[in-house]
């Protein structure tokens, strides 16, 4: 699987998460992926943009 396909799969899984646990898992996977693959930092802006959204959409509420 190419990096592009892998990243797209992770982003899709994150955005389609139906539960808080699923979202948290997908978010952590995307965060790890972005850290390991710094060359794809442009695509990892999604993670940064999600952090700017309201709590119920882009962040896990405490």
PDB file of N, CA and C in Angstrom:
ATOM      1  N   UNK A   1       0.850  -1.174   0.000  1.00  0.00           N
ATOM      2  CA  UNK A   1       0.000   0.000   0.000  1.00  0.00           C
ATOM      3  C   UNK A   1       0.896   1.237   0.000  1.00  0.00           C
ATOM      4  N   UNK A   2       0.584   2.186  -0.840  1.00  0.00           N
ATOM      5  CA  UNK A   2       1.381   3.409  -0.909  1.00  0.00           C
ATOM      6  C   UNK A   2       1.082   4.295   0.303  1.00  0.00           C
ATOM      7  N   UNK A   3       1.986   5.238   0.554  1.00  0.00           N
ATOM      8  CA  UNK A   3       1.778   6.161   1.673  1.00  0.00           C
ATOM      9  C   UNK A   3       0.496   6.961   1.472  1.00  0.00           C
ATOM     10  N   UNK A   4       0.247   7.328   0.250  1.00  0.00           N
ATOM     11  CA  UNK A   4      -0.955   8.111  -0.058  1.00  0.00           C
ATOM     12  C   UNK A   4      -2.220   7.327   0.290  1.00  0.00           C
ATOM     13  N   UNK A   5      -2.249   6.061  -0.132  1.00  0.00           N
ATOM     14  CA  UNK A   5      -3.412   5.221   0.150  1.00  0.00           C
ATOM     15  C   UNK A   5      -3.571   4.975   1.644  1.00  0.00           C
ATOM     16  N   UNK A   6      -2.449   4.754   2.319  1.00  0.00           N
ATOM     17  CA  UNK A   6      -2.486   4.508   3.755  1.00  0.00           C
ATOM     18  C   UNK A   6      -3.018   5.735   4.502  1.00  0.00           C
ATOM     19  N   UNK A   7      -2.534   6.911   4.126  1.00  0.00           N
ATOM     20  CA  UNK A   7      -2.988   8.139   4.769  1.00  0.00           C
ATOM     21  C   UNK A   7      -4.470   8.380   4.491  1.00  0.00           C
ATOM     22  N   UNK A   8      -4.900   8.174   3.264  1.00  0.00           N
ATOM     23  CA  UNK A   8      -6.309   8.351   2.914  1.00  0.00           C
ATOM     24  C   UNK A   8      -7.193   7.401   3.716  1.00  0.00           C
ATOM     25  N   UNK A   9      -6.758   6.175   3.861  1.00  0.00           N
ATOM     26  CA  UNK A   9      -7.513   5.196   4.635  1.00  0.00           C
ATOM     27  C   UNK A   9      -7.633   5.634   6.098  1.00  0.00           C
ATOM     28  N   UNK A  10      -6.545   6.126   6.666  1.00  0.00           N
ATOM     29  CA  UNK A  10      -6.561   6.575   8.055  1.00  0.00           C
ATOM     30  C   UNK A  10      -7.463   7.791   8.229  1.00  0.00           C
ATOM     31  N   UNK A  11      -7.392   8.733   7.304  1.00  0.00           N
ATOM     32  CA  UNK A  11      -8.213   9.938   7.386  1.00  0.00           C
ATOM     33  C   UNK A  11      -9.695   9.592   7.251  1.00  0.00           C
ATOM     34  N   UNK A  12     -10.016   8.688   6.352  1.00  0.00           N
ATOM     35  CA  UNK A  12     -11.402   8.272   6.155  1.00  0.00           C
ATOM     36  C   UNK A  12     -11.940   7.587   7.401  1.00  0.00           C
ATOM     37  N   UNK A  13     -11.131   6.714   7.976  1.00  0.00           N
ATOM     38  CA  UNK A  13     -11.538   6.021   9.198  1.00  0.00           C
ATOM     39  C   UNK A  13     -11.783   7.027  10.322  1.00  0.00           C
ATOM     40  N   UNK A  14     -10.914   8.008  10.444  1.00  0.00           N
ATOM     41  CA  UNK A  14     -11.062   9.022  11.483  1.00  0.00           C
ATOM     42  C   UNK A  14     -12.347   9.827  11.285  1.00  0.00           C
ATOM     43  N   UNK A  15     -12.570  10.293  10.083  1.00  0.00           N
ATOM     44  CA  UNK A  15     -13.735  11.138   9.813  1.00  0.00           C
ATOM     45  C   UNK A  15     -15.056  10.380   9.900  1.00  0.00           C
ATOM     46  N   UNK A  16     -15.013   9.068   9.719  1.00  0.00           N
ATOM     47  CA  UNK A  16     -16.230   8.259   9.789  1.00  0.00           C
ATOM     48  C   UNK A  16     -16.418   7.585  11.138  1.00  0.00           C
ATOM     49  N   UNK A  17     -15.629   7.946  12.115  1.00  0.00           N
ATOM     50  CA  UNK A  17     -15.741   7.339  13.442  1.00  0.00           C
ATOM     51  C   UNK A  17     -17.113   7.624  14.030  1.00  0.00           C
ATOM     52  N   UNK A  18     -17.743   6.572  14.520  1.00  0.00           N
ATOM     53  CA  UNK A  18     -19.079   6.714  15.098  1.00  0.00           C
ATOM     54  C   UNK A  18     -19.046   6.856  16.616  1.00  0.00           C
ATOM     55  N   UNK A  19     -17.915   6.530  17.215  1.00  0.00           N
ATOM     56  CA  UNK A  19     -17.816   6.588  18.671  1.00  0.00           C
ATOM     57  C   UNK A  19     -16.614   7.413  19.090  1.00  0.00           C
ATOM     58  N   UNK A  20     -16.630   7.828  20.320  1.00  0.00           N
ATOM     59  CA  UNK A  20     -15.524   8.592  20.881  1.00  0.00           C
ATOM     60  C   UNK A  20     -14.252   7.739  20.907  1.00  0.00           C
ATOM     61  N   UNK A  21     -14.403   6.477  21.243  1.00  0.00           N
ATOM     62  CA  UNK A  21     -13.247   5.569  21.288  1.00  0.00           C
ATOM     63  C   UNK A  21     -12.676   5.376  19.885  1.00  0.00           C
ATOM     64  N   UNK A  22     -13.546   5.206  18.900  1.00  0.00           N
ATOM     65  CA  UNK A  22     -13.096   5.054  17.523  1.00  0.00           C
ATOM     66  C   UNK A  22     -12.380   6.289  17.014  1.00  0.00           C
ATOM     67  N   UNK A  23     -12.922   7.461  17.364  1.00  0.00           N
ATOM     68  CA  UNK A  23     -12.286   8.713  16.960  1.00  0.00           C
ATOM     69  C   UNK A  23     -10.916   8.847  17.616  1.00  0.00           C
ATOM     70  N   UNK A  24     -10.852   8.569  18.909  1.00  0.00           N
ATOM     71  CA  UNK A  24      -9.588   8.694  19.636  1.00  0.00           C
ATOM     72  C   UNK A  24      -8.538   7.758  19.049  1.00  0.00           C
ATOM     73  N   UNK A  25      -8.934   6.547  18.740  1.00  0.00           N
ATOM     74  CA  UNK A  25      -8.017   5.577  18.139  1.00  0.00           C
ATOM     75  C   UNK A  25      -7.516   6.062  16.776  1.00  0.00           C
ATOM     76  N   UNK A  26      -8.428   6.531  15.940  1.00  0.00           N
ATOM     77  CA  UNK A  26      -8.053   7.037  14.622  1.00  0.00           C
ATOM     78  C   UNK A  26      -7.186   8.277  14.700  1.00  0.00           C
ATOM     79  N   UNK A  27      -7.493   9.148  15.642  1.00  0.00           N
ATOM     80  CA  UNK A  27      -6.717  10.374  15.824  1.00  0.00           C
ATOM     81  C   UNK A  27      -5.289  10.048  16.253  1.00  0.00           C
ATOM     82  N   UNK A  28      -5.150   9.121  17.196  1.00  0.00           N
ATOM     83  CA  UNK A  28      -3.821   8.738  17.663  1.00  0.00           C
ATOM     84  C   UNK A  28      -3.022   8.069  16.539  1.00  0.00           C
ATOM     85  N   UNK A  29      -3.676   7.243  15.742  1.00  0.00           N
ATOM     86  CA  UNK A  29      -2.996   6.597  14.617  1.00  0.00           C
ATOM     87  C   UNK A  29      -2.521   7.637  13.604  1.00  0.00           C
ATOM     88  N   UNK A  30      -3.366   8.616  13.300  1.00  0.00           N
ATOM     89  CA  UNK A  30      -2.984   9.676  12.362  1.00  0.00           C
ATOM     90  C   UNK A  30      -1.843  10.510  12.930  1.00  0.00           C
ATOM     91  N   UNK A  31      -1.900  10.801  14.209  1.00  0.00           N
ATOM     92  CA  UNK A  31      -0.847  11.579  14.861  1.00  0.00           C
ATOM     93  C   UNK A  31       0.494  10.842  14.793  1.00  0.00           C
ATOM     94  N   UNK A  32       0.481   9.536  15.077  1.00  0.00           N
ATOM     95  CA  UNK A  32       1.713   8.729  14.984  1.00  0.00           C
ATOM     96  C   UNK A  32       2.228   8.701  13.552  1.00  0.00           C
ATOM     97  N   UNK A  33       1.319   8.506  12.615  1.00  0.00           N
ATOM     98  CA  UNK A  33       1.694   8.439  11.209  1.00  0.00           C
ATOM     99  C   UNK A  33       2.353   9.739  10.768  1.00  0.00           C
ATOM    100  N   UNK A  34       1.786  10.860  11.181  1.00  0.00           N
ATOM    101  CA  UNK A  34       2.340  12.163  10.806  1.00  0.00           C
ATOM    102  C   UNK A  34       3.713  12.379  11.424  1.00  0.00           C
ATOM    103  N   UNK A  35       3.914  11.887  12.621  1.00  0.00           N
ATOM    104  CA  UNK A  35       5.209  12.022  13.284  1.00  0.00           C
ATOM    105  C   UNK A  35       6.271  11.195  12.568  1.00  0.00           C
ATOM    106  N   UNK A  36       5.922   9.980  12.200  1.00  0.00           N
ATOM    107  CA  UNK A  36       6.873   9.076  11.547  1.00  0.00           C
ATOM    108  C   UNK A  36       7.166   9.512  10.112  1.00  0.00           C
ATOM    109  N   UNK A  37       6.170   9.985   9.418  1.00  0.00           N
ATOM    110  CA  UNK A  37       6.299  10.352   8.002  1.00  0.00           C
ATOM    111  C   UNK A  37       6.262  11.863   7.835  1.00  0.00           C
ATOM    112  N   UNK A  38       7.263  12.522   8.330  1.00  0.00           N
ATOM    113  CA  UNK A  38       7.305  13.983   8.303  1.00  0.00           C
ATOM    114  C   UNK A  38       7.207  14.547   6.890  1.00  0.00           C
ATOM    115  N   UNK A  39       7.598  13.778   5.902  1.00  0.00           N
ATOM    116  CA  UNK A  39       7.553  14.270   4.531  1.00  0.00           C
ATOM    117  C   UNK A  39       6.123  14.489   4.037  1.00  0.00           C
ATOM    118  N   UNK A  40       5.139  13.985   4.746  1.00  0.00           N
ATOM    119  CA  UNK A  40       3.747  14.186   4.363  1.00  0.00           C
ATOM    120  C   UNK A  40       3.073  15.222   5.254  1.00  0.00           C
ATOM    121  N   UNK A  41       3.862  16.137   5.773  1.00  0.00           N
ATOM    122  CA  UNK A  41       3.333  17.099   6.736  1.00  0.00           C
ATOM    123  C   UNK A  41       2.201  17.947   6.161  1.00  0.00           C
ATOM    124  N   UNK A  42       2.218  18.174   4.859  1.00  0.00           N
ATOM    125  CA  UNK A  42       1.136  18.943   4.249  1.00  0.00           C
ATOM    126  C   UNK A  42      -0.208  18.274   4.507  1.00  0.00           C
ATOM    127  N   UNK A  43      -0.265  16.960   4.324  1.00  0.00           N
ATOM    128  CA  UNK A  43      -1.509  16.229   4.522  1.00  0.00           C
ATOM    129  C   UNK A  43      -1.882  16.128   5.994  1.00  0.00           C
ATOM    130  N   UNK A  44      -0.904  16.245   6.842  1.00  0.00           N
ATOM    131  CA  UNK A  44      -1.158  16.151   8.273  1.00  0.00           C
ATOM    132  C   UNK A  44      -1.751  17.436   8.830  1.00  0.00           C
ATOM    133  N   UNK A  45      -1.923  18.429   7.985  1.00  0.00           N
ATOM    134  CA  UNK A  45      -2.609  19.643   8.425  1.00  0.00           C
ATOM    135  C   UNK A  45      -4.043  19.333   8.849  1.00  0.00           C
ATOM    136  N   UNK A  46      -4.597  18.251   8.319  1.00  0.00           N
ATOM    137  CA  UNK A  46      -5.942  17.854   8.725  1.00  0.00           C
ATOM    138  C   UNK A  46      -6.006  17.702  10.236  1.00  0.00           C
ATOM    139  N   UNK A  47      -4.997  17.069  10.793  1.00  0.00           N
ATOM    140  CA  UNK A  47      -4.959  16.867  12.236  1.00  0.00           C
ATOM    141  C   UNK A  47      -4.962  18.210  12.950  1.00  0.00           C
ATOM    142  N   UNK A  48      -4.166  19.142  12.478  1.00  0.00           N
ATOM    143  CA  UNK A  48      -4.111  20.463  13.095  1.00  0.00           C
ATOM    144  C   UNK A  48      -5.444  21.193  12.948  1.00  0.00           C
ATOM    145  N   UNK A  49      -6.087  21.051  11.808  1.00  0.00           N
ATOM    146  CA  UNK A  49      -7.377  21.710  11.597  1.00  0.00           C
ATOM    147  C   UNK A  49      -8.454  21.097  12.480  1.00  0.00           C
ATOM    148  N   UNK A  50      -8.393  19.790  12.697  1.00  0.00           N
ATOM    149  CA  UNK A  50      -9.368  19.144  13.570  1.00  0.00           C
ATOM    150  C   UNK A  50      -9.275  19.685  14.989  1.00  0.00           C
ATOM    151  N   UNK A  51      -8.071  20.040  15.399  1.00  0.00           N
ATOM    152  CA  UNK A  51      -7.886  20.567  16.745  1.00  0.00           C
ATOM    153  C   UNK A  51      -8.553  21.930  16.921  1.00  0.00           C
ATOM    154  N   UNK A  52      -8.809  22.630  15.838  1.00  0.00           N
ATOM    155  CA  UNK A  52      -9.428  23.956  15.905  1.00  0.00           C
ATOM    156  C   UNK A  52     -10.952  23.896  15.953  1.00  0.00           C
ATOM    157  N   UNK A  53     -11.520  22.744  15.655  1.00  0.00           N
ATOM    158  CA  UNK A  53     -12.972  22.609  15.619  1.00  0.00           C
ATOM    159  C   UNK A  53     -13.550  22.544  17.029  1.00  0.00           C
ATOM    160  N   UNK A  54     -14.851  22.783  17.173  1.00  0.00           N
ATOM    161  CA  UNK A  54     -15.481  22.689  18.494  1.00  0.00           C
ATOM    162  C   UNK A  54     -15.283  21.305  19.104  1.00  0.00           C
ATOM    163  N   UNK A  55     -15.387  21.249  20.392  1.00  0.00           N
ATOM    164  CA  UNK A  55     -15.119  20.033  21.152  1.00  0.00           C
ATOM    165  C   UNK A  55     -15.859  18.819  20.607  1.00  0.00           C
ATOM    166  N   UNK A  56     -17.111  18.952  20.305  1.00  0.00           N
ATOM    167  CA  UNK A  56     -17.896  17.799  19.877  1.00  0.00           C
ATOM    168  C   UNK A  56     -17.559  17.342  18.461  1.00  0.00           C
ATOM    169  N   UNK A  57     -16.790  18.117  17.717  1.00  0.00           N
ATOM    170  CA  UNK A  57     -16.444  17.747  16.348  1.00  0.00           C
ATOM    171  C   UNK A  57     -14.976  17.384  16.226  1.00  0.00           C
ATOM    172  N   UNK A  58     -14.095  18.257  16.638  1.00  0.00           N
ATOM    173  CA  UNK A  58     -12.677  18.074  16.362  1.00  0.00           C
ATOM    174  C   UNK A  58     -11.828  17.610  17.514  1.00  0.00           C
ATOM    175  N   UNK A  59     -12.364  17.639  18.718  1.00  0.00           N
ATOM    176  CA  UNK A  59     -11.568  17.235  19.872  1.00  0.00           C
ATOM    177  C   UNK A  59     -12.365  16.264  20.719  1.00  0.00           C
ATOM    178  N   UNK A  60     -11.652  15.504  21.472  1.00  0.00           N
ATOM    179  CA  UNK A  60     -12.315  14.646  22.437  1.00  0.00           C
ATOM    180  C   UNK A  60     -12.556  15.450  23.697  1.00  0.00           C
ATOM    181  N   UNK A  61     -13.773  15.508  24.112  1.00  0.00           N
ATOM    182  CA  UNK A  61     -14.102  16.261  25.320  1.00  0.00           C
ATOM    183  C   UNK A  61     -13.596  15.505  26.544  1.00  0.00           C
ATOM    184  N   UNK A  62     -13.096  16.233  27.531  1.00  0.00           N
ATOM    185  CA  UNK A  62     -12.614  15.556  28.745  1.00  0.00           C
ATOM    186  C   UNK A  62     -13.740  14.891  29.493  1.00  0.00           C
TER     187      UNK A  62
END
